[in-house]
Amino acid sequence: MEAIADAFLDIHDERPVPTIIRALDYCVEGDDDFHFNRKLVAALHRIWTKEAIDGIKLASHSAQELIRETADEFLVRQPPLSA
């Protein structure tokens, strides 16, 4: 699953944003640090469209503290240079 998140991070394409947002709540068994979900937040930051930003804001209300913290960190960062 983490390879999928890596792919979203690498492709920098806004078309999968709705899919990435839906996957934010997916729990990967054994991923106690929520690397999968946090990479999805990073992918949304890299895409940096209004819809992607809304997805990060949604993640900032996650039930999981690590996901919330990651989302909050990305919300205060500058947009990526390619945005």
Protein backbone atom coordinates (compact mmCIF):
# COMPACT_ATOMS: atom_id res chain seq x y z
CA MET A 1 0.00 0.00 0.00
CA GLU A 2 2.81 2.37 0.78
CA ALA A 3 4.06 1.96 -2.81
CA ILE A 4 0.73 3.35 -3.98
CA ALA A 5 1.18 6.39 -1.75
CA ASP A 6 4.72 6.77 -3.13
CA ALA A 7 3.34 6.70 -6.67
CA PHE A 8 0.84 9.45 -5.87
CA LEU A 9 3.67 11.46 -4.37
CA ASP A 10 5.85 10.95 -7.45
CA ILE A 11 3.33 11.61 -10.22
CA HIS A 12 2.21 15.07 -9.06
CA ASP A 13 -1.08 14.86 -10.95
CA GLU A 14 -4.29 16.44 -9.73
CA ARG A 15 -6.59 13.83 -11.29
CA PRO A 16 -6.28 11.30 -8.43
CA VAL A 17 -6.98 13.90 -5.70
CA PRO A 18 -10.51 12.57 -4.98
CA THR A 19 -9.08 9.05 -4.69
CA ILE A 20 -6.28 10.21 -2.41
CA ILE A 21 -8.80 12.00 -0.18
CA ARG A 22 -10.98 8.88 0.06
CA ALA A 23 -7.91 6.81 0.97
CA LEU A 24 -6.93 9.11 3.85
CA ASP A 25 -9.10 7.09 6.25
CA TYR A 26 -7.78 3.71 5.10
CA CYS A 27 -5.90 1.87 7.84
CA VAL A 28 -3.05 -0.33 6.67
CA GLU A 29 -2.58 -3.28 8.99
CA GLY A 30 0.76 -3.04 10.78
CA ASP A 31 1.29 0.61 9.82
CA ASP A 32 1.17 1.91 13.38
CA ASP A 33 2.88 5.17 12.40
CA PHE A 34 0.40 5.79 9.56
CA HIS A 35 3.15 6.19 6.94
CA PHE A 36 0.65 5.41 4.19
CA ASN A 37 -1.78 8.11 5.28
CA ARG A 38 0.96 10.65 5.95
CA LYS A 39 2.41 10.11 2.47
CA LEU A 40 -1.04 10.72 1.04
CA VAL A 41 -1.12 14.05 2.88
CA ALA A 42 2.33 14.84 1.44
CA ALA A 43 1.05 13.99 -2.06
CA LEU A 44 -1.86 16.39 -1.58
CA HIS A 45 0.57 19.10 -0.49
CA ARG A 46 2.67 18.54 -3.57
CA ILE A 47 -0.40 18.82 -5.84
CA TRP A 48 -1.61 21.94 -4.00
CA THR A 49 -4.92 22.61 -5.76
CA LYS A 50 -7.94 23.88 -3.85
CA GLU A 51 -9.33 20.34 -3.72
CA ALA A 52 -5.98 18.97 -2.48
CA ILE A 53 -5.78 21.66 0.21
CA ASP A 54 -9.33 20.77 1.28
CA GLY A 55 -8.16 17.16 1.59
CA ILE A 56 -5.28 18.21 3.84
CA LYS A 57 -7.74 20.20 5.96
CA LEU A 58 -9.92 17.09 6.20
CA ALA A 59 -6.89 15.08 7.35
CA SER A 60 -6.22 17.71 10.01
CA HIS A 61 -9.41 16.47 11.70
CA SER A 62 -8.42 12.79 11.59
CA ALA A 63 -9.03 10.61 14.63
CA GLN A 64 -5.33 9.67 14.45
CA GLU A 65 -2.98 12.17 16.06
CA LEU A 66 -0.03 11.46 13.73
CA ILE A 67 -2.20 12.12 10.67
CA ARG A 68 -3.57 15.32 12.22
CA GLU A 69 -0.09 16.55 13.08
CA THR A 70 1.22 15.81 9.59
CA ALA A 71 -1.71 17.60 7.97
CA ASP A 72 -1.27 20.61 10.24
CA GLU A 73 2.44 20.75 9.37
CA PHE A 74 1.68 20.74 5.64
CA LEU A 75 -1.01 23.40 6.01
CA VAL A 76 1.49 25.89 7.42
CA ARG A 77 4.24 25.09 4.90
CA GLN A 78 4.74 27.15 1.82
CA PRO A 79 3.20 25.68 -1.30
CA PRO A 80 5.62 23.59 -3.34
CA LEU A 81 7.60 25.47 -6.00
CA SER A 82 5.80 23.68 -8.80
CA ALA A 83 2.36 24.82 -7.56
